[in-house]
């Protein structure tokens, strides 16, 4: 999908019930838009979403906990707003293009230094 903005604009919460990921874009995009994420605390997802910062992570496969977390956020606009703002700040400070490029440059420079 080329443009997720119209879809994100319709969301109150992104539900992301993945059992395993690399580094998932959907939770990052949602948080960057101020939308909290509810998902499983799976590999990859835990790197993209901080529990109780940008959303709520529950044990992998626990459908009842996932449902309860979604219901809690749907029914609590204040909590949604709080988690949305915190998730937005998390993504900006950890996944902004300048931050990622600088981290890659530092990594490569470290490899070059260690090869000398």
C-alpha atoms as a PDB file:
ATOM      1  CA  UNK A   1       0.000   0.000   0.000  1.00  0.00           C
ATOM      2  CA  UNK A   2       1.475   3.293  -1.072  1.00  0.00           C
ATOM      3  CA  UNK A   3      -0.396   5.627   1.249  1.00  0.00           C
ATOM      4  CA  UNK A   4      -1.448   4.503   4.709  1.00  0.00           C
ATOM      5  CA  UNK A   5      -2.404   7.980   5.927  1.00  0.00           C
ATOM      6  CA  UNK A   6      -6.129   7.715   5.026  1.00  0.00           C
ATOM      7  CA  UNK A   7      -6.355   4.380   6.841  1.00  0.00           C
ATOM      8  CA  UNK A   8      -4.480   5.604   9.892  1.00  0.00           C
ATOM      9  CA  UNK A   9      -6.785   8.612  10.081  1.00  0.00           C
ATOM     10  CA  UNK A  10      -9.719   6.229  10.602  1.00  0.00           C
ATOM     11  CA  UNK A  11      -8.106   4.371  13.524  1.00  0.00           C
ATOM     12  CA  UNK A  12      -8.356   4.819  17.244  1.00  0.00           C
ATOM     13  CA  UNK A  13      -6.114   1.818  17.924  1.00  0.00           C
ATOM     14  CA  UNK A  14      -3.942  -0.426  15.748  1.00  0.00           C
ATOM     15  CA  UNK A  15      -4.410  -4.078  16.660  1.00  0.00           C
ATOM     16  CA  UNK A  16      -1.280  -6.013  15.701  1.00  0.00           C
ATOM     17  CA  UNK A  17      -1.654  -9.700  16.673  1.00  0.00           C
ATOM     18  CA  UNK A  18       1.556 -10.956  15.061  1.00  0.00           C
ATOM     19  CA  UNK A  19       3.287 -14.017  16.456  1.00  0.00           C
ATOM     20  CA  UNK A  20       6.707 -13.022  15.043  1.00  0.00           C
ATOM     21  CA  UNK A  21       8.121 -10.129  13.050  1.00  0.00           C
ATOM     22  CA  UNK A  22      11.351  -8.634  11.851  1.00  0.00           C
ATOM     23  CA  UNK A  23      10.932  -4.944  12.580  1.00  0.00           C
ATOM     24  CA  UNK A  24       7.308  -4.226  11.712  1.00  0.00           C
ATOM     25  CA  UNK A  25       6.435  -0.993   9.935  1.00  0.00           C
ATOM     26  CA  UNK A  26       2.709  -0.913  10.734  1.00  0.00           C
ATOM     27  CA  UNK A  27       3.135  -0.305  14.492  1.00  0.00           C
ATOM     28  CA  UNK A  28       5.813   2.312  13.804  1.00  0.00           C
ATOM     29  CA  UNK A  29       3.587   4.120  11.306  1.00  0.00           C
ATOM     30  CA  UNK A  30       0.634   4.017  13.680  1.00  0.00           C
ATOM     31  CA  UNK A  31       2.646   5.389  16.583  1.00  0.00           C
ATOM     32  CA  UNK A  32       4.208   8.068  14.376  1.00  0.00           C
ATOM     33  CA  UNK A  33       0.624   9.137  13.677  1.00  0.00           C
ATOM     34  CA  UNK A  34      -0.245   9.213  17.379  1.00  0.00           C
ATOM     35  CA  UNK A  35      -2.199   5.955  17.329  1.00  0.00           C
ATOM     36  CA  UNK A  36      -1.539   3.478  20.148  1.00  0.00           C
ATOM     37  CA  UNK A  37      -0.849  -0.166  19.345  1.00  0.00           C
ATOM     38  CA  UNK A  38      -2.224  -3.293  20.962  1.00  0.00           C
ATOM     39  CA  UNK A  39      -0.318  -6.407  20.091  1.00  0.00           C
ATOM     40  CA  UNK A  40       1.430  -9.547  21.150  1.00  0.00           C
ATOM     41  CA  UNK A  41       4.810  -9.192  22.879  1.00  0.00           C
ATOM     42  CA  UNK A  42       6.415 -11.054  19.978  1.00  0.00           C
ATOM     43  CA  UNK A  43       9.887 -10.909  18.510  1.00  0.00           C
ATOM     44  CA  UNK A  44      10.168  -7.702  16.519  1.00  0.00           C
ATOM     45  CA  UNK A  45       6.999  -6.157  17.882  1.00  0.00           C
ATOM     46  CA  UNK A  46       8.730  -5.611  21.229  1.00  0.00           C
ATOM     47  CA  UNK A  47      11.371  -3.590  19.369  1.00  0.00           C
ATOM     48  CA  UNK A  48       8.775  -1.381  17.677  1.00  0.00           C
ATOM     49  CA  UNK A  49       6.395  -0.828  20.619  1.00  0.00           C
ATOM     50  CA  UNK A  50       7.312  -0.125  24.222  1.00  0.00           C
ATOM     51  CA  UNK A  51       4.708  -1.663  26.529  1.00  0.00           C
ATOM     52  CA  UNK A  52       2.679   1.038  28.282  1.00  0.00           C
ATOM     53  CA  UNK A  53       4.469   3.731  26.274  1.00  0.00           C
ATOM     54  CA  UNK A  54       3.156   3.528  22.718  1.00  0.00           C
ATOM     55  CA  UNK A  55       0.626   0.853  23.374  1.00  0.00           C
ATOM     56  CA  UNK A  56      -0.096  -2.341  25.234  1.00  0.00           C
ATOM     57  CA  UNK A  57       1.674  -5.642  24.622  1.00  0.00           C
ATOM     58  CA  UNK A  58       0.205  -8.901  25.879  1.00  0.00           C
ATOM     59  CA  UNK A  59       1.539 -12.468  25.934  1.00  0.00           C
ATOM     60  CA  UNK A  60       1.800 -14.078  22.504  1.00  0.00           C
ATOM     61  CA  UNK A  61      -1.338 -16.019  21.655  1.00  0.00           C
ATOM     62  CA  UNK A  62      -3.393 -14.742  24.591  1.00  0.00           C
ATOM     63  CA  UNK A  63      -6.496 -13.688  22.668  1.00  0.00           C
ATOM     64  CA  UNK A  64      -8.413 -12.754  25.800  1.00  0.00           C
ATOM     65  CA  UNK A  65      -5.645 -10.418  26.982  1.00  0.00           C
ATOM     66  CA  UNK A  66      -5.514  -8.900  23.480  1.00  0.00           C
ATOM     67  CA  UNK A  67      -9.288  -8.386  23.495  1.00  0.00           C
ATOM     68  CA  UNK A  68      -9.211  -6.892  26.985  1.00  0.00           C
ATOM     69  CA  UNK A  69      -6.428  -4.457  26.020  1.00  0.00           C
ATOM     70  CA  UNK A  70      -8.307  -3.326  22.907  1.00  0.00           C
ATOM     71  CA  UNK A  71     -11.497  -2.852  24.905  1.00  0.00           C
ATOM     72  CA  UNK A  72      -9.623  -0.875  27.558  1.00  0.00           C
ATOM     73  CA  UNK A  73      -8.198   1.536  24.975  1.00  0.00           C
ATOM     74  CA  UNK A  74     -11.425   1.859  23.016  1.00  0.00           C
ATOM     75  CA  UNK A  75     -13.246   2.813  26.205  1.00  0.00           C
ATOM     76  CA  UNK A  76     -10.589   5.197  27.556  1.00  0.00           C
ATOM     77  CA  UNK A  77      -9.931   8.162  25.233  1.00  0.00           C
ATOM     78  CA  UNK A  78      -7.552   9.727  27.748  1.00  0.00           C
ATOM     79  CA  UNK A  79      -5.373   6.622  27.837  1.00  0.00           C
ATOM     80  CA  UNK A  80      -5.458   6.411  24.028  1.00  0.00           C
ATOM     81  CA  UNK A  81      -4.286  10.008  23.800  1.00  0.00           C
ATOM     82  CA  UNK A  82      -1.560   9.468  26.417  1.00  0.00           C
ATOM     83  CA  UNK A  83      -0.210   6.317  24.744  1.00  0.00           C
ATOM     84  CA  UNK A  84      -0.546   7.889  21.296  1.00  0.00           C
ATOM     85  CA  UNK A  85       1.556  10.903  22.278  1.00  0.00           C
ATOM     86  CA  UNK A  86       4.155   8.761  24.069  1.00  0.00           C
ATOM     87  CA  UNK A  87       4.384   6.386  21.105  1.00  0.00           C
ATOM     88  CA  UNK A  88       4.847   9.301  18.744  1.00  0.00           C
ATOM     89  CA  UNK A  89       7.746  10.585  20.862  1.00  0.00           C
ATOM     90  CA  UNK A  90       9.240   7.063  21.035  1.00  0.00           C
ATOM     91  CA  UNK A  91       9.216   6.676  17.252  1.00  0.00           C
ATOM     92  CA  UNK A  92      10.678  10.136  16.696  1.00  0.00           C
ATOM     93  CA  UNK A  93      13.543   9.562  19.122  1.00  0.00           C
ATOM     94  CA  UNK A  94      14.352   6.011  18.006  1.00  0.00           C
ATOM     95  CA  UNK A  95      13.312   5.644  14.366  1.00  0.00           C
ATOM     96  CA  UNK A  96      13.610   9.078  12.805  1.00  0.00           C
ATOM     97  CA  UNK A  97      15.597   8.813   9.562  1.00  0.00           C
ATOM     98  CA  UNK A  98      18.461  10.921  10.952  1.00  0.00           C
ATOM     99  CA  UNK A  99      18.696   8.690  14.043  1.00  0.00           C
ATOM    100  CA  UNK A 100      18.742   5.503  11.971  1.00  0.00           C
ATOM    101  CA  UNK A 101      21.298   6.846   9.487  1.00  0.00           C
ATOM    102  CA  UNK A 102      23.572   7.988  12.334  1.00  0.00           C
ATOM    103  CA  UNK A 103      23.320   4.561  13.985  1.00  0.00           C
ATOM    104  CA  UNK A 104      24.254   2.858  10.713  1.00  0.00           C
ATOM    105  CA  UNK A 105      27.189   5.225  10.208  1.00  0.00           C
ATOM    106  CA  UNK A 106      28.425   4.569  13.756  1.00  0.00           C
ATOM    107  CA  UNK A 107      28.152   0.819  13.170  1.00  0.00           C
ATOM    108  CA  UNK A 108      30.093   0.964   9.894  1.00  0.00           C
ATOM    109  CA  UNK A 109      32.749   3.232  11.384  1.00  0.00           C
ATOM    110  CA  UNK A 110      33.155   0.741  14.220  1.00  0.00           C
ATOM    111  CA  UNK A 111      33.668  -2.091  11.733  1.00  0.00           C
ATOM    112  CA  UNK A 112      36.270  -0.049   9.863  1.00  0.00           C
ATOM    113  CA  UNK A 113      38.132   0.828  13.093  1.00  0.00           C
ATOM    114  CA  UNK A 114      38.170  -2.803  14.220  1.00  0.00           C
ATOM    115  CA  UNK A 115      39.506  -3.958  10.839  1.00  0.00           C
ATOM    116  CA  UNK A 116      42.582  -1.709  11.102  1.00  0.00           C
END
